[in-house]
N, C-alpha and C. Protein backbone atom coordinates (compact mmCIF):
# COMPACT_ATOMS: atom_id res chain seq x y z
N UNK A 1 124.89 97.25 122.51
CA UNK A 1 125.58 97.46 121.89
C UNK A 1 124.62 98.33 120.72
N UNK A 2 125.40 99.77 119.66
CA UNK A 2 125.30 99.70 119.15
C UNK A 2 125.63 99.55 117.89
N UNK A 3 125.14 99.02 117.13
CA UNK A 3 125.21 98.71 115.26
C UNK A 3 123.88 99.12 114.24
N UNK A 4 124.42 99.26 113.27
CA UNK A 4 123.19 99.02 112.00
C UNK A 4 123.07 97.82 111.28
N UNK A 5 124.17 96.77 111.57
CA UNK A 5 123.72 94.96 111.66
C UNK A 5 122.68 94.92 110.90
N UNK A 6 121.92 95.27 112.41
CA UNK A 6 120.17 95.05 112.01
C UNK A 6 119.06 95.22 111.12
N UNK A 7 120.24 97.18 111.29
CA UNK A 7 118.97 97.46 110.14
C UNK A 7 119.19 96.62 108.81
N UNK A 8 120.72 96.83 108.01
CA UNK A 8 121.15 96.69 107.15
C UNK A 8 120.72 95.27 106.42
N UNK A 9 120.75 93.79 107.12
CA UNK A 9 120.08 93.20 106.94
C UNK A 9 118.75 92.90 106.73
N UNK A 10 118.39 93.39 107.43
CA UNK A 10 116.38 94.14 107.67
C UNK A 10 116.81 94.41 105.61
N UNK A 11 117.31 95.59 105.78
CA UNK A 11 116.89 96.38 104.44
C UNK A 11 117.43 95.30 103.04
N UNK A 12 118.38 94.87 103.55
CA UNK A 12 119.14 94.15 101.83
C UNK A 12 118.01 92.79 101.97
N UNK A 13 117.16 92.19 102.37
CA UNK A 13 116.42 91.05 102.63
C UNK A 13 114.82 91.42 102.10
N UNK A 14 115.03 92.70 102.22
CA UNK A 14 113.73 93.17 102.36
C UNK A 14 113.35 94.36 100.74
N UNK A 15 114.22 94.51 100.35
CA UNK A 15 114.78 94.46 99.45
C UNK A 15 114.89 93.87 97.81
N UNK A 16 115.75 92.70 98.65
CA UNK A 16 115.65 91.61 96.83
C UNK A 16 114.94 91.38 97.70
N UNK A 17 113.88 91.09 98.41
CA UNK A 17 112.40 89.75 98.20
C UNK A 17 112.12 89.87 97.45
N UNK A 18 111.65 91.75 97.19
CA UNK A 18 111.02 92.51 96.36
C UNK A 18 111.91 92.71 95.31
N UNK A 19 112.53 92.29 94.08
CA UNK A 19 113.53 92.47 92.93
C UNK A 19 112.85 90.84 92.40
N UNK A 20 111.96 92.20 91.16
CA UNK A 20 110.87 90.96 90.25
C UNK A 20 111.59 90.24 89.35
N UNK A 21 113.07 90.37 89.70
CA UNK A 21 114.72 89.20 88.51
C UNK A 21 114.89 88.90 89.36
N UNK A 22 114.08 88.92 91.27
CA UNK A 22 114.68 87.70 91.45
C UNK A 22 113.17 86.37 91.31
N UNK A 23 112.91 86.97 90.66
CA UNK A 23 111.14 85.28 91.14
C UNK A 23 111.85 83.87 90.87
N UNK A 24 110.67 83.20 92.00
CA UNK A 24 111.55 81.80 92.03
C UNK A 24 113.73 81.45 92.49
N UNK A 25 113.89 82.44 93.51
CA UNK A 25 114.61 82.36 94.11
C UNK A 25 114.61 83.07 95.27
N UNK A 26 115.23 81.98 96.35
CA UNK A 26 114.33 81.77 97.72
C UNK A 26 116.24 82.85 98.15
N UNK A 27 115.03 83.76 98.61
CA UNK A 27 115.85 85.07 99.15
C UNK A 27 115.84 84.78 101.21
N UNK A 28 116.00 84.28 101.41
CA UNK A 28 116.45 84.28 102.56
C UNK A 28 116.86 85.02 103.97
N UNK A 29 116.74 85.20 105.34
CA UNK A 29 117.51 86.16 106.35
C UNK A 29 118.06 84.86 106.80
N UNK A 30 119.29 84.65 106.82
CA UNK A 30 120.73 83.93 107.19
C UNK A 30 119.30 82.01 106.67
N UNK A 31 120.31 80.84 106.90
CA UNK A 31 119.95 79.89 106.89
C UNK A 31 118.85 79.56 107.08
N UNK A 32 117.68 79.29 106.72
CA UNK A 32 116.39 78.39 107.11
C UNK A 32 116.58 76.73 106.72
N UNK A 33 115.52 76.75 107.47
CA UNK A 33 115.32 74.96 107.80
C UNK A 33 114.13 75.24 106.92
N UNK A 34 114.43 74.38 105.53
CA UNK A 34 113.24 74.26 105.42
C UNK A 34 112.86 72.98 104.22
N UNK A 35 110.97 72.89 103.72
CA UNK A 35 111.75 71.79 103.23
C UNK A 35 110.95 71.86 101.36
N UNK A 36 111.83 73.33 100.90
CA UNK A 36 111.25 73.44 99.82
C UNK A 36 113.19 73.04 99.02
N UNK A 37 112.26 72.86 97.33
CA UNK A 37 113.65 71.81 96.79
C UNK A 37 113.67 73.03 95.68
N UNK A 38 113.94 74.18 95.88
CA UNK A 38 114.40 75.50 95.00
C UNK A 38 115.25 75.02 94.90
N UNK A 39 116.45 75.40 93.73
CA UNK A 39 117.66 75.30 93.44
C UNK A 39 118.65 76.51 93.38
N UNK A 40 117.97 77.36 93.55
CA UNK A 40 118.58 79.08 93.52
C UNK A 40 118.00 80.19 95.31
N UNK A 41 119.07 80.47 94.91
CA UNK A 41 119.20 80.84 96.17
C UNK A 41 119.98 82.00 97.17
N UNK A 42 119.64 82.83 97.71
CA UNK A 42 120.35 83.96 98.43
C UNK A 42 119.71 84.05 99.62
N UNK A 43 120.82 84.34 100.34
CA UNK A 43 120.96 84.31 101.41
C UNK A 43 121.91 84.93 102.22
N UNK A 44 121.13 86.23 103.32
CA UNK A 44 121.66 87.34 103.48
C UNK A 44 122.44 86.50 105.09
N UNK A 45 123.39 87.26 105.19
CA UNK A 45 123.98 87.32 106.92
C UNK A 45 123.72 85.53 107.20
N UNK A 46 124.93 84.95 105.59
CA UNK A 46 124.79 83.47 105.83
C UNK A 46 126.94 83.75 105.18
N UNK A 47 127.62 83.37 105.43
CA UNK A 47 128.80 82.55 104.54
C UNK A 47 129.15 81.51 103.85
N UNK A 48 127.54 81.29 104.13
CA UNK A 48 127.63 79.73 102.88
C UNK A 48 128.18 78.36 103.34
N UNK A 49 128.48 78.16 104.70
CA UNK A 49 129.81 76.62 104.54
C UNK A 49 128.73 76.00 104.91
N UNK A 50 127.94 75.46 105.18
CA UNK A 50 127.08 74.72 106.51
C UNK A 50 127.13 73.96 106.99
N UNK A 51 128.96 73.70 107.37
CA UNK A 51 129.50 72.88 108.07
C UNK A 51 130.62 73.96 108.68
N UNK A 52 130.23 75.43 109.25
CA UNK A 52 131.22 76.40 109.15
C UNK A 52 130.27 76.96 110.24
N UNK A 53 130.76 78.35 110.80
CA UNK A 53 131.01 78.73 112.02
C UNK A 53 129.55 79.60 112.07
N UNK A 54 128.39 79.87 110.77
CA UNK A 54 127.97 80.83 110.34
C UNK A 54 127.35 82.15 110.94
N UNK A 55 128.96 82.75 110.35
CA UNK A 55 129.34 84.26 111.20
C UNK A 55 128.21 84.74 109.69
N UNK A 56 127.58 85.85 110.28
CA UNK A 56 126.49 86.81 110.02
C UNK A 56 126.95 88.70 108.99
N UNK A 57 127.99 88.55 110.26
CA UNK A 57 128.36 90.11 110.56
C UNK A 57 128.89 90.40 110.80
N UNK A 58 130.07 90.72 110.63
CA UNK A 58 131.14 90.90 111.22
C UNK A 58 131.09 92.60 110.79
N UNK A 59 132.53 93.37 112.42
CA UNK A 59 132.13 94.90 112.40
C UNK A 59 133.66 95.76 113.36
N UNK A 60 134.00 96.48 112.56
CA UNK A 60 135.07 97.41 113.38
C UNK A 60 134.46 98.82 113.67
N UNK A 61 134.83 99.11 114.56
CA UNK A 61 134.55 99.93 114.52
C UNK A 61 135.18 101.76 115.66
N UNK A 62 135.07 102.53 115.61
CA UNK A 62 135.25 103.98 116.25
C UNK A 62 134.83 104.96 116.39
N UNK A 63 135.53 105.99 117.54
CA UNK A 63 134.95 106.79 117.09
C UNK A 63 134.80 108.43 116.40
N UNK A 64 134.15 108.32 115.14
CA UNK A 64 134.76 109.76 114.74
C UNK A 64 134.63 110.74 115.30
N UNK A 65 133.79 112.02 116.22
CA UNK A 65 133.82 112.15 117.72
C UNK A 65 133.38 112.24 118.27
N UNK A 66 133.81 113.28 119.24
CA UNK A 66 132.97 113.15 120.58
C UNK A 66 131.30 113.72 120.72
N UNK A 67 131.50 114.47 119.51
CA UNK A 67 129.67 114.93 118.83
C UNK A 67 128.59 114.15 119.03
N UNK A 68 129.54 113.41 117.14
CA UNK A 68 128.80 112.40 116.48
C UNK A 68 128.06 111.80 116.62
N UNK A 69 129.01 109.97 117.03
CA UNK A 69 129.00 109.19 117.83
C UNK A 69 129.89 108.42 117.06
N UNK A 70 129.66 106.83 117.16
CA UNK A 70 130.25 105.83 116.49
C UNK A 70 129.75 105.77 114.70
N UNK A 71 131.94 105.30 114.85
CA UNK A 71 131.58 104.98 112.80
C UNK A 71 131.43 103.31 113.42
N UNK A 72 131.47 103.18 112.51
CA UNK A 72 131.49 101.22 112.52
C UNK A 72 132.17 101.10 110.73
N UNK A 73 132.22 100.17 110.62
CA UNK A 73 133.08 99.01 109.35
C UNK A 73 132.71 98.41 109.11
N UNK A 74 131.61 97.67 108.69
CA UNK A 74 130.73 96.50 108.65
C UNK A 74 130.76 95.22 108.05
N UNK A 75 130.95 94.24 107.78
CA UNK A 75 130.90 93.02 106.01
C UNK A 75 129.53 92.64 106.67
N UNK A 76 128.78 92.27 105.95
CA UNK A 76 127.54 90.87 106.14
C UNK A 76 128.07 90.06 104.33
N UNK A 77 128.46 89.02 105.17
CA UNK A 77 128.36 87.86 103.57
C UNK A 77 126.76 87.48 103.50
N UNK A 78 126.86 87.08 102.08
CA UNK A 78 125.52 87.09 101.18
C UNK A 78 126.06 85.86 100.72
N UNK A 79 125.02 84.80 100.19
CA UNK A 79 125.68 83.91 99.72
C UNK A 79 124.73 83.05 98.48
N UNK A 80 125.10 83.16 97.59
CA UNK A 80 124.04 83.36 96.30
C UNK A 80 124.45 81.51 95.78
N UNK A 81 123.15 80.89 95.53
CA UNK A 81 123.49 78.91 95.36
C UNK A 81 123.01 79.34 94.86
N UNK A 82 123.37 78.78 93.52
CA UNK A 82 122.21 77.84 92.54
C UNK A 82 122.92 76.26 92.24
N UNK A 83 122.06 75.24 92.08
CA UNK A 83 122.30 74.06 91.67
C UNK A 83 121.24 73.23 91.40
N UNK A 84 122.42 72.30 90.72
CA UNK A 84 121.99 71.43 89.19
C UNK A 84 121.27 70.59 89.33
N UNK A 85 120.77 69.76 88.52
CA UNK A 85 120.33 67.70 89.45
C UNK A 85 121.12 67.42 88.05
N UNK A 86 122.58 67.78 87.26
CA UNK A 86 122.69 67.57 86.32
C UNK A 86 125.03 67.95 86.63
N UNK A 87 125.04 67.64 85.85
CA UNK A 87 126.91 67.92 86.12
C UNK A 87 127.41 69.36 85.18
N UNK A 88 126.62 70.02 84.61
CA UNK A 88 126.90 71.07 83.44
C UNK A 88 127.48 72.44 84.78
N UNK A 89 128.50 72.40 84.91
CA UNK A 89 129.14 72.77 86.30
C UNK A 89 128.70 74.80 85.47
N UNK A 90 128.95 75.02 83.79
CA UNK A 90 128.79 76.09 83.36
C UNK A 90 127.75 76.73 83.76
N UNK A 91 126.35 76.02 83.68
CA UNK A 91 125.86 76.29 83.24
C UNK A 91 124.76 77.40 85.26
N UNK A 92 125.67 76.10 86.10
CA UNK A 92 125.54 76.46 87.54
C UNK A 92 126.34 78.00 87.59
N UNK A 93 127.21 78.31 87.16
CA UNK A 93 128.07 79.10 87.35
C UNK A 93 127.47 80.34 87.19
N UNK A 94 127.10 80.66 85.40
CA UNK A 94 126.06 81.64 85.31
C UNK A 94 124.59 82.06 85.31
N UNK A 95 124.19 81.56 86.75
CA UNK A 95 123.00 81.16 86.99
C UNK A 95 123.30 81.52 88.46
N UNK A 96 124.32 81.53 89.18
CA UNK A 96 124.59 81.76 90.18
C UNK A 96 125.38 83.59 89.96
N UNK A 97 126.39 83.89 89.31
CA UNK A 97 126.64 85.38 88.62
C UNK A 97 125.17 85.83 88.41
N UNK A 98 124.21 85.11 87.65
CA UNK A 98 123.11 86.01 87.32
C UNK A 98 122.87 86.49 88.75
N UNK A 99 122.31 85.66 89.35
CA UNK A 99 121.72 85.32 90.85
C UNK A 99 122.56 87.04 91.96
N UNK A 100 123.67 86.92 92.59
CA UNK A 100 124.87 87.69 92.29
C UNK A 100 124.74 89.13 92.04
N UNK A 101 124.15 89.22 90.18
CA UNK A 101 123.90 90.88 89.89
C UNK A 101 123.16 90.99 90.89
N UNK A 102 121.44 90.74 90.56
CA UNK A 102 120.60 91.60 91.40
C UNK A 102 121.39 92.48 92.34
N UNK A 103 122.65 91.42 93.10
CA UNK A 103 122.93 92.50 94.39
C UNK A 103 123.82 93.19 94.45
N UNK A 104 124.74 93.56 93.29
CA UNK A 104 124.92 94.20 92.89
C UNK A 104 124.52 95.30 92.36
N UNK A 105 123.36 94.68 90.94
CA UNK A 105 122.31 96.33 90.73
C UNK A 105 121.45 96.94 91.65
N UNK A 106 121.31 95.84 92.98
CA UNK A 106 120.57 97.10 94.07
C UNK A 106 121.61 98.30 95.11
N UNK A 107 122.99 97.86 94.59
CA UNK A 107 124.04 98.41 95.46
C UNK A 107 124.67 99.93 94.42
N UNK A 108 124.45 99.28 94.13
CA UNK A 108 124.91 99.89 92.61
C UNK A 108 123.82 101.55 92.66
N UNK A 109 122.94 101.02 92.89
CA UNK A 109 121.45 101.88 92.79
C UNK A 109 121.14 102.73 93.77
N UNK A 110 121.58 101.71 95.20
CA UNK A 110 121.19 103.05 96.41
C UNK A 110 121.72 101.96 97.37
N UNK A 111 123.41 103.03 97.65
CA UNK A 111 124.29 102.02 97.80
C UNK A 111 124.08 102.00 99.46
N UNK A 112 122.93 102.99 99.56
CA UNK A 112 122.68 103.19 101.06
C UNK A 112 121.18 101.85 101.83
N UNK A 113 121.38 100.82 100.60
CA UNK A 113 120.52 100.81 100.84
C UNK A 113 119.36 101.28 101.37
N UNK A 114 118.55 102.65 101.60
CA UNK A 114 117.61 103.19 102.05
C UNK A 114 117.83 103.78 102.95
N UNK A 115 119.08 103.85 103.34
CA UNK A 115 118.86 103.30 104.84
C UNK A 115 120.64 105.70 105.17
N UNK A 116 119.99 105.90 105.63
CA UNK A 116 120.74 107.37 106.55
C UNK A 116 121.81 106.69 106.93
N UNK A 117 123.05 107.31 106.41
CA UNK A 117 124.72 107.86 107.05
C UNK A 117 125.08 105.97 106.71
N UNK A 118 124.89 105.54 105.45
CA UNK A 118 125.38 104.27 106.05
C UNK A 118 125.26 103.86 104.50
N UNK A 119 126.87 103.26 103.68
CA UNK A 119 127.49 103.37 102.37
C UNK A 119 127.84 101.34 102.46
N UNK A 120 127.50 100.75 101.39
CA UNK A 120 127.66 99.80 100.76
C UNK A 120 126.95 99.20 99.47
N UNK A 121 128.72 98.24 99.35
CA UNK A 121 129.35 98.28 97.87
C UNK A 121 129.37 96.60 98.67
N UNK A 122 129.50 95.08 96.78
CA UNK A 122 130.73 93.97 97.28
C UNK A 122 131.92 94.31 96.73
N UNK A 123 132.28 94.44 98.19
CA UNK A 123 133.92 93.53 98.19
C UNK A 123 135.03 93.09 97.57
N UNK A 124 134.36 91.84 97.74
CA UNK A 124 134.99 90.91 97.94
C UNK A 124 134.42 89.21 97.15
N UNK A 125 134.48 88.46 96.71
CA UNK A 125 133.61 87.57 95.81
C UNK A 125 134.76 85.89 96.19
N UNK A 126 134.58 84.97 96.68
CA UNK A 126 133.94 83.81 96.53
C UNK A 126 133.41 82.86 95.98
N UNK A 127 134.03 81.45 94.44
CA UNK A 127 132.80 80.56 93.93
C UNK A 127 133.60 79.45 94.39
N UNK A 128 132.31 78.95 94.03
CA UNK A 128 132.93 77.48 94.91
C UNK A 128 131.76 76.53 93.85
N UNK A 129 132.24 75.60 92.99
CA UNK A 129 131.48 74.88 92.10
C UNK A 129 132.03 72.72 93.02
N UNK A 130 130.88 72.21 93.65
CA UNK A 130 131.26 71.17 94.15
C UNK A 130 130.52 70.58 93.14
N UNK A 131 131.10 69.33 93.05
CA UNK A 131 129.87 67.37 92.09
C UNK A 131 129.51 66.52 93.66
N UNK A 132 128.11 67.18 93.65
CA UNK A 132 127.61 66.44 94.96
C UNK A 132 126.67 65.28 94.37
N UNK A 133 126.39 64.31 94.64
CA UNK A 133 125.77 63.05 94.13
C UNK A 133 124.23 63.76 93.67
N UNK A 134 123.32 64.95 93.84
CA UNK A 134 122.69 65.83 92.89
C UNK A 134 123.23 66.66 92.60
N UNK A 135 124.46 66.90 92.28
CA UNK A 135 124.83 67.09 90.42
C UNK A 135 125.77 67.70 91.18
N UNK A 136 125.57 69.25 90.32
CA UNK A 136 126.61 70.63 90.52
C UNK A 136 125.95 71.70 91.57
N UNK A 137 126.97 71.88 92.58
CA UNK A 137 125.80 73.69 92.43
C UNK A 137 127.17 74.40 93.01
N UNK A 138 126.76 75.46 92.25
CA UNK A 138 128.03 76.81 92.42
C UNK A 138 127.23 77.27 93.64
N UNK A 139 128.42 77.77 94.07
CA UNK A 139 128.18 78.48 95.17
C UNK A 139 128.68 80.00 95.16
N UNK A 140 128.50 81.45 95.16
CA UNK A 140 128.99 82.48 95.44
C UNK A 140 129.14 83.35 96.41
N UNK A 141 129.69 83.22 97.46
CA UNK A 141 130.09 84.24 98.25
C UNK A 141 129.49 84.88 97.97
N UNK A 142 129.52 86.19 98.47
CA UNK A 142 129.12 88.39 97.81
C UNK A 142 130.15 88.48 99.93
N UNK A 143 130.92 89.80 99.64
CA UNK A 143 131.22 90.04 101.28
C UNK A 143 130.38 91.79 101.03
N UNK A 144 129.03 91.83 101.73
CA UNK A 144 128.51 93.45 101.61
C UNK A 144 129.36 94.21 102.79
N UNK A 145 130.39 94.98 101.79
CA UNK A 145 131.34 95.75 102.76
C UNK A 145 130.63 97.34 102.62
N UNK A 146 130.99 98.11 104.42
CA UNK A 146 131.32 99.74 103.93
C UNK A 146 131.26 99.58 105.07
N UNK A 147 130.64 101.23 105.23
CA UNK A 147 130.68 102.24 106.73
C UNK A 147 129.20 102.38 106.74
N UNK A 148 130.04 102.60 108.16
CA UNK A 148 128.16 103.38 108.72
C UNK A 148 127.76 104.17 110.30
N UNK A 149 127.51 105.03 110.33
CA UNK A 149 127.26 105.68 111.81
C UNK A 149 126.65 105.35 112.77
N UNK A 150 126.56 105.05 113.58
CA UNK A 150 125.35 105.02 114.56
C UNK A 150 125.44 106.09 115.53
């Protein structure tokens, strides 16, 4: 099946890893099993729910025309996470929005993320702020959505 999802995820991960403003933020391709104790994360292709279904993308497609091929509507979840060893919800929330703003800036500067016949933006967001026995964790779930042609 032809889909632009794999190359979109690759392009997002590469561009975010290259962003010097995200130094110290673990940028990953989906959830990773790791020994790092990093407090800040940006996870491309993850719905942010460690107990959930681990959905990496969703598409809806149809024919643009018989000559040009298929149009694909794409949604890719991206989870920004800021953890703290204390209960300062405001600080965690501010940090997670700083991390999410880097994705927003990337897409505003280049909605195609360097790819032809593709255009995406942040279409929706959800904020979660659970207090855990290890402190507060703010999680901002961003939906990168748009369309592409295959």
